[in-house]
All heavy atoms as atom14 arrays in JSON, in Angstrom:
{
  "sequence": "ASGERQGPGQDPDPDPGQGSGSGRPQPLEPSLLRFLVCPLSKRPLR",
  "atom14_mask": [
    [1, 1, 1, 1, 1, 0, 0, 0, 0, 0, 0, 0, 0, 0],
    [1, 1, 1, 1, 1, 1, 0, 0, 0, 0, 0, 0, 0, 0],
    [1, 1, 1, 1, 0, 0, 0, 0, 0, 0, 0, 0, 0, 0],
    [1, 1, 1, 1, 1, 1, 1, 1, 1, 0, 0, 0, 0, 0],
    [1, 1, 1, 1, 1, 1, 1, 1, 1, 1, 1, 0, 0, 0],
    [1, 1, 1, 1, 1, 1, 1, 1, 1, 0, 0, 0, 0, 0],
    [1, 1, 1, 1, 0, 0, 0, 0, 0, 0, 0, 0, 0, 0],
    [1, 1, 1, 1, 1, 1, 1, 0, 0, 0, 0, 0, 0, 0],
    [1, 1, 1, 1, 0, 0, 0, 0, 0, 0, 0, 0, 0, 0],
    [1, 1, 1, 1, 1, 1, 1, 1, 1, 0, 0, 0, 0, 0],
    [1, 1, 1, 1, 1, 1, 1, 1, 0, 0, 0, 0, 0, 0],
    [1, 1, 1, 1, 1, 1, 1, 0, 0, 0, 0, 0, 0, 0],
    [1, 1, 1, 1, 1, 1, 1, 1, 0, 0, 0, 0, 0, 0],
    [1, 1, 1, 1, 1, 1, 1, 0, 0, 0, 0, 0, 0, 0],
    [1, 1, 1, 1, 1, 1, 1, 1, 0, 0, 0, 0, 0, 0],
    [1, 1, 1, 1, 1, 1, 1, 0, 0, 0, 0, 0, 0, 0],
    [1, 1, 1, 1, 0, 0, 0, 0, 0, 0, 0, 0, 0, 0],
    [1, 1, 1, 1, 1, 1, 1, 1, 1, 0, 0, 0, 0, 0],
    [1, 1, 1, 1, 0, 0, 0, 0, 0, 0, 0, 0, 0, 0],
    [1, 1, 1, 1, 1, 1, 0, 0, 0, 0, 0, 0, 0, 0],
    [1, 1, 1, 1, 0, 0, 0, 0, 0, 0, 0, 0, 0, 0],
    [1, 1, 1, 1, 1, 1, 0, 0, 0, 0, 0, 0, 0, 0],
    [1, 1, 1, 1, 0, 0, 0, 0, 0, 0, 0, 0, 0, 0],
    [1, 1, 1, 1, 1, 1, 1, 1, 1, 1, 1, 0, 0, 0],
    [1, 1, 1, 1, 1, 1, 1, 0, 0, 0, 0, 0, 0, 0],
    [1, 1, 1, 1, 1, 1, 1, 1, 1, 0, 0, 0, 0, 0],
    [1, 1, 1, 1, 1, 1, 1, 0, 0, 0, 0, 0, 0, 0],
    [1, 1, 1, 1, 1, 1, 1, 1, 0, 0, 0, 0, 0, 0],
    [1, 1, 1, 1, 1, 1, 1, 1, 1, 0, 0, 0, 0, 0],
    [1, 1, 1, 1, 1, 1, 1, 0, 0, 0, 0, 0, 0, 0],
    [1, 1, 1, 1, 1, 1, 0, 0, 0, 0, 0, 0, 0, 0],
    [1, 1, 1, 1, 1, 1, 1, 1, 0, 0, 0, 0, 0, 0],
    [1, 1, 1, 1, 1, 1, 1, 1, 0, 0, 0, 0, 0, 0],
    [1, 1, 1, 1, 1, 1, 1, 1, 1, 1, 1, 0, 0, 0],
    [1, 1, 1, 1, 1, 1, 1, 1, 1, 1, 1, 0, 0, 0],
    [1, 1, 1, 1, 1, 1, 1, 1, 0, 0, 0, 0, 0, 0],
    [1, 1, 1, 1, 1, 1, 1, 0, 0, 0, 0, 0, 0, 0],
    [1, 1, 1, 1, 1, 1, 0, 0, 0, 0, 0, 0, 0, 0],
    [1, 1, 1, 1, 1, 1, 1, 0, 0, 0, 0, 0, 0, 0],
    [1, 1, 1, 1, 1, 1, 1, 1, 0, 0, 0, 0, 0, 0],
    [1, 1, 1, 1, 1, 1, 0, 0, 0, 0, 0, 0, 0, 0],
    [1, 1, 1, 1, 1, 1, 1, 1, 1, 0, 0, 0, 0, 0],
    [1, 1, 1, 1, 1, 1, 1, 1, 1, 1, 1, 0, 0, 0],
    [1, 1, 1, 1, 1, 1, 1, 0, 0, 0, 0, 0, 0, 0],
    [1, 1, 1, 1, 1, 1, 1, 1, 0, 0, 0, 0, 0, 0],
    [1, 1, 1, 1, 1, 1, 1, 1, 1, 1, 1, 0, 0, 0]
  ],
  "atom14_positions": [
    [[0.81, -1.22, -0.03], [0.0, 0.03, -0.03], [0.84, 1.26, -0.02], [0.43, 2.21, 0.42], [-0.88, 0.0, 1.16], [0.0, 0.0, 0.0], [0.0, 0.0, 0.0], [0.0, 0.0, 0.0], [0.0, 0.0, 0.0], [0.0, 0.0, 0.0], [0.0, 0.0, 0.0], [0.0, 0.0, 0.0], [0.0, 0.0, 0.0], [0.0, 0.0, 0.0]],
    [[2.04, 1.17, -0.52], [3.02, 2.32, -0.48], [2.79, 3.35, -1.59], [3.72, 3.95, -1.91], [4.46, 1.76, -0.44], [4.71, 1.01, -1.54], [0.0, 0.0, 0.0], [0.0, 0.0, 0.0], [0.0, 0.0, 0.0], [0.0, 0.0, 0.0], [0.0, 0.0, 0.0], [0.0, 0.0, 0.0], [0.0, 0.0, 0.0], [0.0, 0.0, 0.0]],
    [[1.62, 3.21, -2.24], [1.34, 4.15, -3.28], [1.5, 3.65, -4.69], [0.97, 4.16, -5.65], [0.0, 0.0, 0.0], [0.0, 0.0, 0.0], [0.0, 0.0, 0.0], [0.0, 0.0, 0.0], [0.0, 0.0, 0.0], [0.0, 0.0, 0.0], [0.0, 0.0, 0.0], [0.0, 0.0, 0.0], [0.0, 0.0, 0.0], [0.0, 0.0, 0.0]],
    [[2.13, 2.45, -4.87], [2.24, 1.92, -6.23], [0.83, 1.38, -6.63], [0.08, 0.89, -5.77], [3.28, 0.88, -6.29], [2.95, -0.54, -5.81], [3.24, -0.64, -4.36], [3.57, 0.28, -3.64], [3.0, -1.83, -3.84], [0.0, 0.0, 0.0], [0.0, 0.0, 0.0], [0.0, 0.0, 0.0], [0.0, 0.0, 0.0], [0.0, 0.0, 0.0]],
    [[0.51, 1.45, -7.87], [-0.83, 1.03, -8.34], [-0.65, -0.31, -9.04], [0.25, -0.48, -9.84], [-1.34, 2.13, -9.33], [-1.59, 3.32, -8.55], [-2.6, 4.19, -9.21], [-3.77, 3.49, -9.44], [-4.94, 3.98, -9.78], [-5.01, 5.27, -9.99], [-6.0, 3.24, -9.96], [0.0, 0.0, 0.0], [0.0, 0.0, 0.0], [0.0, 0.0, 0.0]],
    [[-1.51, -1.11, -8.85], [-1.65, -2.39, -9.52], [-2.67, -2.32, -10.6], [-3.65, -1.82, -10.37], [-1.98, -3.57, -8.48], [-1.0, -3.71, -7.42], [0.26, -4.35, -7.86], [0.28, -5.13, -8.85], [1.38, -4.08, -7.19], [0.0, 0.0, 0.0], [0.0, 0.0, 0.0], [0.0, 0.0, 0.0], [0.0, 0.0, 0.0], [0.0, 0.0, 0.0]],
    [[-2.32, -2.84, -11.67], [-3.38, -2.84, -12.81], [-4.31, -3.97, -12.65], [-4.18, -4.87, -11.78], [0.0, 0.0, 0.0], [0.0, 0.0, 0.0], [0.0, 0.0, 0.0], [0.0, 0.0, 0.0], [0.0, 0.0, 0.0], [0.0, 0.0, 0.0], [0.0, 0.0, 0.0], [0.0, 0.0, 0.0], [0.0, 0.0, 0.0], [0.0, 0.0, 0.0]],
    [[-5.47, -3.99, -13.35], [-6.41, -5.11, -13.23], [-5.82, -6.43, -13.61], [-4.98, -6.49, -14.5], [-7.49, -4.73, -14.24], [-7.27, -3.27, -14.53], [-5.87, -3.0, -14.28], [0.0, 0.0, 0.0], [0.0, 0.0, 0.0], [0.0, 0.0, 0.0], [0.0, 0.0, 0.0], [0.0, 0.0, 0.0], [0.0, 0.0, 0.0], [0.0, 0.0, 0.0]],
    [[-6.08, -7.38, -12.8], [-5.54, -8.72, -13.06], [-4.21, -9.0, -12.38], [-3.69, -10.12, -12.44], [0.0, 0.0, 0.0], [0.0, 0.0, 0.0], [0.0, 0.0, 0.0], [0.0, 0.0, 0.0], [0.0, 0.0, 0.0], [0.0, 0.0, 0.0], [0.0, 0.0, 0.0], [0.0, 0.0, 0.0], [0.0, 0.0, 0.0], [0.0, 0.0, 0.0]],
    [[-3.53, -7.98, -11.84], [-2.32, -8.1, -11.13], [-2.6, -8.31, -9.69], [-3.15, -7.49, -8.99], [-1.43, -6.96, -11.3], [-0.91, -6.84, -12.79], [-0.07, -5.51, -12.97], [-0.21, -4.58, -12.22], [0.89, -5.56, -13.91], [0.0, 0.0, 0.0], [0.0, 0.0, 0.0], [0.0, 0.0, 0.0], [0.0, 0.0, 0.0], [0.0, 0.0, 0.0]],
    [[-2.03, -9.39, -9.17], [-2.26, -9.67, -7.7], [-1.07, -8.96, -6.92], [0.05, -9.09, -7.25], [-2.11, -11.22, -7.46], [-2.61, -11.52, -6.09], [-2.79, -10.64, -5.25], [-2.81, -12.8, -5.85], [0.0, 0.0, 0.0], [0.0, 0.0, 0.0], [0.0, 0.0, 0.0], [0.0, 0.0, 0.0], [0.0, 0.0, 0.0], [0.0, 0.0, 0.0]],
    [[-1.46, -8.05, -5.91], [-0.42, -7.32, -5.26], [0.47, -8.22, -4.47], [1.56, -7.77, -4.12], [-1.19, -6.32, -4.39], [-2.56, -6.96, -4.24], [-2.8, -7.79, -5.51], [0.0, 0.0, 0.0], [0.0, 0.0, 0.0], [0.0, 0.0, 0.0], [0.0, 0.0, 0.0], [0.0, 0.0, 0.0], [0.0, 0.0, 0.0], [0.0, 0.0, 0.0]],
    [[-0.03, -9.4, -4.05], [0.9, -10.3, -3.26], [0.63, -11.68, -3.67], [-0.13, -12.44, -3.02], [0.47, -10.07, -1.75], [1.38, -10.84, -0.84], [2.53, -11.18, -1.2], [0.99, -11.05, 0.35], [0.0, 0.0, 0.0], [0.0, 0.0, 0.0], [0.0, 0.0, 0.0], [0.0, 0.0, 0.0], [0.0, 0.0, 0.0], [0.0, 0.0, 0.0]],
    [[1.19, -12.08, -4.76], [0.87, -13.37, -5.28], [1.42, -14.51, -4.3], [2.57, -14.42, -3.8], [1.55, -13.52, -6.65], [2.66, -12.42, -6.55], [2.15, -11.35, -5.64], [0.0, 0.0, 0.0], [0.0, 0.0, 0.0], [0.0, 0.0, 0.0], [0.0, 0.0, 0.0], [0.0, 0.0, 0.0], [0.0, 0.0, 0.0], [0.0, 0.0, 0.0]],
    [[0.59, -15.51, -4.01], [0.93, -16.6, -3.21], [0.35, -17.82, -3.73], [-0.83, -18.06, -3.56], [0.48, -16.25, -1.69], [0.98, -17.37, -0.75], [1.61, -18.42, -1.14], [0.69, -17.16, 0.46], [0.0, 0.0, 0.0], [0.0, 0.0, 0.0], [0.0, 0.0, 0.0], [0.0, 0.0, 0.0], [0.0, 0.0, 0.0], [0.0, 0.0, 0.0]],
    [[1.08, -18.71, -4.41], [0.48, -19.83, -5.08], [-0.24, -20.83, -4.15], [-1.03, -21.57, -4.52], [1.73, -20.51, -5.75], [2.92, -19.94, -5.15], [2.56, -18.65, -4.58], [0.0, 0.0, 0.0], [0.0, 0.0, 0.0], [0.0, 0.0, 0.0], [0.0, 0.0, 0.0], [0.0, 0.0, 0.0], [0.0, 0.0, 0.0], [0.0, 0.0, 0.0]],
    [[0.1, -20.74, -2.87], [-0.49, -21.62, -1.87], [-1.88, -21.16, -1.4], [-2.65, -21.92, -0.83], [0.0, 0.0, 0.0], [0.0, 0.0, 0.0], [0.0, 0.0, 0.0], [0.0, 0.0, 0.0], [0.0, 0.0, 0.0], [0.0, 0.0, 0.0], [0.0, 0.0, 0.0], [0.0, 0.0, 0.0], [0.0, 0.0, 0.0], [0.0, 0.0, 0.0]],
    [[-2.25, -19.91, -1.8], [-3.55, -19.4, -1.38], [-4.41, -19.29, -2.59], [-3.96, -18.89, -3.61], [-3.33, -18.04, -0.61], [-2.44, -18.09, 0.51], [-3.18, -18.77, 1.78], [-4.37, -18.7, 1.99], [-2.37, -19.5, 2.52], [0.0, 0.0, 0.0], [0.0, 0.0, 0.0], [0.0, 0.0, 0.0], [0.0, 0.0, 0.0], [0.0, 0.0, 0.0]],
    [[-5.69, -19.38, -2.42], [-6.69, -19.16, -3.52], [-7.63, -20.28, -3.7], [-7.57, -21.24, -3.01], [0.0, 0.0, 0.0], [0.0, 0.0, 0.0], [0.0, 0.0, 0.0], [0.0, 0.0, 0.0], [0.0, 0.0, 0.0], [0.0, 0.0, 0.0], [0.0, 0.0, 0.0], [0.0, 0.0, 0.0], [0.0, 0.0, 0.0], [0.0, 0.0, 0.0]],
    [[-8.39, -20.24, -4.75], [-9.41, -21.18, -4.94], [-8.87, -22.57, -5.35], [-9.57, -23.51, -5.29], [-10.38, -20.63, -6.07], [-9.65, -20.33, -7.24], [0.0, 0.0, 0.0], [0.0, 0.0, 0.0], [0.0, 0.0, 0.0], [0.0, 0.0, 0.0], [0.0, 0.0, 0.0], [0.0, 0.0, 0.0], [0.0, 0.0, 0.0], [0.0, 0.0, 0.0]],
    [[-7.64, -22.66, -5.81], [-7.07, -23.94, -6.16], [-6.5, -24.71, -5.05], [-6.02, -25.78, -5.24], [0.0, 0.0, 0.0], [0.0, 0.0, 0.0], [0.0, 0.0, 0.0], [0.0, 0.0, 0.0], [0.0, 0.0, 0.0], [0.0, 0.0, 0.0], [0.0, 0.0, 0.0], [0.0, 0.0, 0.0], [0.0, 0.0, 0.0], [0.0, 0.0, 0.0]],
    [[-6.44, -24.2, -3.87], [-5.7, -24.79, -2.77], [-6.48, -25.84, -1.98], [-5.93, -26.64, -1.24], [-5.25, -23.74, -1.8], [-6.32, -23.16, -1.17], [0.0, 0.0, 0.0], [0.0, 0.0, 0.0], [0.0, 0.0, 0.0], [0.0, 0.0, 0.0], [0.0, 0.0, 0.0], [0.0, 0.0, 0.0], [0.0, 0.0, 0.0], [0.0, 0.0, 0.0]],
    [[-7.75, -26.12, -2.3], [-8.52, -27.11, -1.63], [-9.29, -26.73, -0.44], [-10.27, -27.19, -0.15], [0.0, 0.0, 0.0], [0.0, 0.0, 0.0], [0.0, 0.0, 0.0], [0.0, 0.0, 0.0], [0.0, 0.0, 0.0], [0.0, 0.0, 0.0], [0.0, 0.0, 0.0], [0.0, 0.0, 0.0], [0.0, 0.0, 0.0], [0.0, 0.0, 0.0]],
    [[-8.67, -25.82, 0.45], [-9.35, -25.38, 1.62], [-9.68, -23.93, 1.4], [-8.76, -23.17, 0.97], [-8.66, -25.73, 2.89], [-7.47, -24.84, 3.14], [-6.82, -25.38, 4.48], [-5.42, -24.98, 4.39], [-4.96, -23.83, 4.87], [-5.7, -23.0, 5.51], [-3.71, -23.54, 4.75], [0.0, 0.0, 0.0], [0.0, 0.0, 0.0], [0.0, 0.0, 0.0]],
    [[-10.82, -23.41, 1.96], [-11.13, -21.96, 1.77], [-10.15, -21.14, 2.62], [-9.74, -21.5, 3.72], [-12.53, -21.92, 2.25], [-12.76, -23.11, 3.12], [-11.82, -24.1, 2.59], [0.0, 0.0, 0.0], [0.0, 0.0, 0.0], [0.0, 0.0, 0.0], [0.0, 0.0, 0.0], [0.0, 0.0, 0.0], [0.0, 0.0, 0.0], [0.0, 0.0, 0.0]],
    [[-9.92, -19.99, 2.06], [-9.1, -19.03, 2.73], [-10.04, -18.26, 3.75], [-11.0, -17.66, 3.37], [-8.46, -18.01, 1.79], [-7.55, -17.08, 2.49], [-6.8, -16.21, 1.45], [-6.96, -16.32, 0.24], [-6.09, -15.16, 1.91], [0.0, 0.0, 0.0], [0.0, 0.0, 0.0], [0.0, 0.0, 0.0], [0.0, 0.0, 0.0], [0.0, 0.0, 0.0]],
    [[-9.66, -18.23, 5.07], [-10.56, -17.61, 5.97], [-10.44, -16.15, 5.95], [-9.67, -15.53, 5.4], [-10.03, -18.1, 7.38], [-8.54, -18.34, 7.16], [-8.55, -18.89, 5.74], [0.0, 0.0, 0.0], [0.0, 0.0, 0.0], [0.0, 0.0, 0.0], [0.0, 0.0, 0.0], [0.0, 0.0, 0.0], [0.0, 0.0, 0.0], [0.0, 0.0, 0.0]],
    [[-11.5, -15.51, 6.55], [-11.53, -14.05, 6.68], [-10.52, -13.5, 7.72], [-10.3, -14.13, 8.73], [-12.98, -13.66, 7.15], [-13.16, -12.14, 7.31], [-13.23, -11.46, 5.93], [-14.4, -11.82, 8.08], [0.0, 0.0, 0.0], [0.0, 0.0, 0.0], [0.0, 0.0, 0.0], [0.0, 0.0, 0.0], [0.0, 0.0, 0.0], [0.0, 0.0, 0.0]],
    [[-9.85, -12.43, 7.41], [-8.9, -11.79, 8.29], [-9.72, -11.22, 9.47], [-10.6, -10.43, 9.12], [-8.17, -10.69, 7.59], [-7.22, -9.89, 8.43], [-6.03, -10.73, 9.01], [-5.6, -11.68, 8.38], [-5.6, -10.43, 10.23], [0.0, 0.0, 0.0], [0.0, 0.0, 0.0], [0.0, 0.0, 0.0], [0.0, 0.0, 0.0], [0.0, 0.0, 0.0]],
    [[-9.39, -11.61, 10.7], [-10.25, -11.16, 11.8], [-10.29, -9.63, 11.98], [-11.37, -9.11, 12.34], [-9.58, -11.81, 13.02], [-8.83, -12.96, 12.5], [-8.41, -12.62, 11.04], [0.0, 0.0, 0.0], [0.0, 0.0, 0.0], [0.0, 0.0, 0.0], [0.0, 0.0, 0.0], [0.0, 0.0, 0.0], [0.0, 0.0, 0.0], [0.0, 0.0, 0.0]],
    [[-9.26, -8.95, 11.58], [-9.29, -7.48, 11.68], [-10.31, -6.84, 10.79], [-10.74, -5.66, 11.05], [-7.94, -6.87, 11.45], [-7.53, -7.12, 10.15], [0.0, 0.0, 0.0], [0.0, 0.0, 0.0], [0.0, 0.0, 0.0], [0.0, 0.0, 0.0], [0.0, 0.0, 0.0], [0.0, 0.0, 0.0], [0.0, 0.0, 0.0], [0.0, 0.0, 0.0]],
    [[-10.77, -7.51, 9.68], [-11.8, -6.89, 8.78], [-13.19, -6.93, 9.38], [-13.99, -6.11, 9.12], [-11.81, -7.68, 7.51], [-10.68, -7.5, 6.57], [-10.88, -8.32, 5.34], [-10.52, -6.01, 6.13], [0.0, 0.0, 0.0], [0.0, 0.0, 0.0], [0.0, 0.0, 0.0], [0.0, 0.0, 0.0], [0.0, 0.0, 0.0], [0.0, 0.0, 0.0]],
    [[-13.36, -7.84, 10.34], [-14.76, -7.98, 10.87], [-15.25, -6.77, 11.58], [-16.47, -6.46, 11.51], [-14.78, -9.18, 11.87], [-16.1, -9.76, 12.25], [-16.87, -10.1, 10.96], [-16.02, -10.97, 13.15], [0.0, 0.0, 0.0], [0.0, 0.0, 0.0], [0.0, 0.0, 0.0], [0.0, 0.0, 0.0], [0.0, 0.0, 0.0], [0.0, 0.0, 0.0]],
    [[-14.45, -5.94, 12.16], [-14.86, -4.75, 12.89], [-15.26, -3.69, 11.9], [-16.07, -2.78, 12.24], [-13.8, -4.19, 13.76], [-12.5, -3.76, 13.02], [-11.5, -3.26, 13.97], [-10.29, -3.2, 13.31], [-9.21, -2.51, 13.68], [-9.24, -1.95, 14.89], [-8.06, -2.45, 12.98], [0.0, 0.0, 0.0], [0.0, 0.0, 0.0], [0.0, 0.0, 0.0]],
    [[-14.95, -3.84, 10.56], [-15.3, -2.76, 9.54], [-16.58, -3.24, 8.79], [-17.17, -2.4, 8.05], [-14.18, -2.51, 8.59], [-12.99, -2.01, 9.16], [-11.86, -2.75, 9.22], [-13.02, -0.68, 9.73], [-10.65, -2.25, 9.8], [-11.8, -0.2, 10.25], [-10.71, -0.99, 10.31], [0.0, 0.0, 0.0], [0.0, 0.0, 0.0], [0.0, 0.0, 0.0]],
    [[-16.95, -4.51, 8.8], [-17.98, -5.07, 7.99], [-19.38, -5.12, 8.67], [-19.41, -5.53, 9.73], [-17.6, -6.45, 7.44], [-16.3, -6.55, 6.61], [-16.01, -8.0, 6.32], [-16.44, -5.77, 5.34], [0.0, 0.0, 0.0], [0.0, 0.0, 0.0], [0.0, 0.0, 0.0], [0.0, 0.0, 0.0], [0.0, 0.0, 0.0], [0.0, 0.0, 0.0]],
    [[-20.25, -4.64, 7.92], [-21.71, -4.64, 8.42], [-22.6, -5.17, 7.29], [-22.2, -5.17, 6.14], [-22.22, -3.29, 8.84], [-21.46, -2.74, 10.12], [-22.24, -2.23, 7.8], [0.0, 0.0, 0.0], [0.0, 0.0, 0.0], [0.0, 0.0, 0.0], [0.0, 0.0, 0.0], [0.0, 0.0, 0.0], [0.0, 0.0, 0.0], [0.0, 0.0, 0.0]],
    [[-23.75, -5.68, 7.72], [-24.66, -6.21, 6.67], [-25.11, -5.0, 5.8], [-25.51, -3.98, 6.36], [-25.83, -6.84, 7.36], [-27.14, -7.33, 6.22], [0.0, 0.0, 0.0], [0.0, 0.0, 0.0], [0.0, 0.0, 0.0], [0.0, 0.0, 0.0], [0.0, 0.0, 0.0], [0.0, 0.0, 0.0], [0.0, 0.0, 0.0], [0.0, 0.0, 0.0]],
    [[-25.07, -5.15, 4.49], [-25.49, -4.06, 3.62], [-27.0, -3.81, 3.68], [-27.54, -2.75, 3.3], [-25.12, -4.57, 2.25], [-24.98, -6.01, 2.31], [-24.55, -6.31, 3.7], [0.0, 0.0, 0.0], [0.0, 0.0, 0.0], [0.0, 0.0, 0.0], [0.0, 0.0, 0.0], [0.0, 0.0, 0.0], [0.0, 0.0, 0.0], [0.0, 0.0, 0.0]],
    [[-27.8, -4.79, 4.16], [-29.2, -4.68, 4.26], [-29.67, -3.97, 5.63], [-30.47, -3.08, 5.67], [-29.96, -6.01, 4.1], [-29.7, -6.74, 2.77], [-30.32, -8.08, 2.76], [-30.26, -5.77, 1.66], [0.0, 0.0, 0.0], [0.0, 0.0, 0.0], [0.0, 0.0, 0.0], [0.0, 0.0, 0.0], [0.0, 0.0, 0.0], [0.0, 0.0, 0.0]],
    [[-29.09, -4.57, 6.75], [-29.56, -4.08, 8.02], [-28.6, -3.08, 8.68], [-28.95, -2.47, 9.63], [-29.78, -5.23, 8.98], [-28.58, -5.77, 9.33], [0.0, 0.0, 0.0], [0.0, 0.0, 0.0], [0.0, 0.0, 0.0], [0.0, 0.0, 0.0], [0.0, 0.0, 0.0], [0.0, 0.0, 0.0], [0.0, 0.0, 0.0], [0.0, 0.0, 0.0]],
    [[-27.39, -2.99, 8.14], [-26.31, -2.1, 8.7], [-25.9, -2.55, 10.09], [-25.38, -1.79, 10.84], [-26.77, -0.62, 8.63], [-27.23, -0.16, 7.34], [-26.23, -0.24, 6.33], [-26.68, 0.53, 5.0], [-27.05, -0.36, 3.88], [0.0, 0.0, 0.0], [0.0, 0.0, 0.0], [0.0, 0.0, 0.0], [0.0, 0.0, 0.0], [0.0, 0.0, 0.0]],
    [[-26.12, -3.77, 10.42], [-25.77, -4.36, 11.74], [-24.48, -5.16, 11.63], [-24.18, -5.69, 10.51], [-26.9, -5.24, 12.29], [-28.31, -4.58, 12.25], [-28.46, -3.74, 13.51], [-28.12, -4.52, 14.64], [-28.55, -4.17, 15.82], [-29.32, -3.17, 16.09], [-28.22, -4.94, 16.91], [0.0, 0.0, 0.0], [0.0, 0.0, 0.0], [0.0, 0.0, 0.0]],
    [[-23.82, -5.4, 12.71], [-22.49, -6.16, 12.66], [-22.87, -7.62, 12.25], [-23.98, -8.1, 12.46], [-22.04, -6.12, 14.13], [-22.69, -4.87, 14.73], [-23.98, -4.73, 14.02], [0.0, 0.0, 0.0], [0.0, 0.0, 0.0], [0.0, 0.0, 0.0], [0.0, 0.0, 0.0], [0.0, 0.0, 0.0], [0.0, 0.0, 0.0], [0.0, 0.0, 0.0]],
    [[-21.84, -8.26, 11.79], [-21.97, -9.62, 11.26], [-21.01, -10.56, 12.2], [-20.09, -10.02, 12.82], [-21.54, -9.79, 9.88], [-22.33, -9.04, 8.82], [-21.7, -8.86, 7.55], [-23.65, -9.6, 8.69], [0.0, 0.0, 0.0], [0.0, 0.0, 0.0], [0.0, 0.0, 0.0], [0.0, 0.0, 0.0], [0.0, 0.0, 0.0], [0.0, 0.0, 0.0]],
    [[-21.43, -11.81, 12.26], [-20.64, -12.77, 12.99], [-19.97, -13.69, 12.05], [-20.63, -14.21, 11.05], [-21.65, -13.59, 13.93], [-20.92, -14.74, 14.68], [-21.93, -15.43, 15.61], [-22.92, -16.09, 14.83], [-22.96, -17.26, 14.27], [-21.78, -17.92, 14.22], [-23.99, -17.74, 13.62], [0.0, 0.0, 0.0], [0.0, 0.0, 0.0], [0.0, 0.0, 0.0]]
  ]
}
């Protein structure tokens, strides 16, 4: 996030072990949960 811009289709942090082909789902980063609310009710999510 140091100001460089990534173009469409460029992954800012490529990691071949992560993603849809790895077999197990990538979990949500816990720090994001405090920012996310339901778009319908605007209430916190679990």
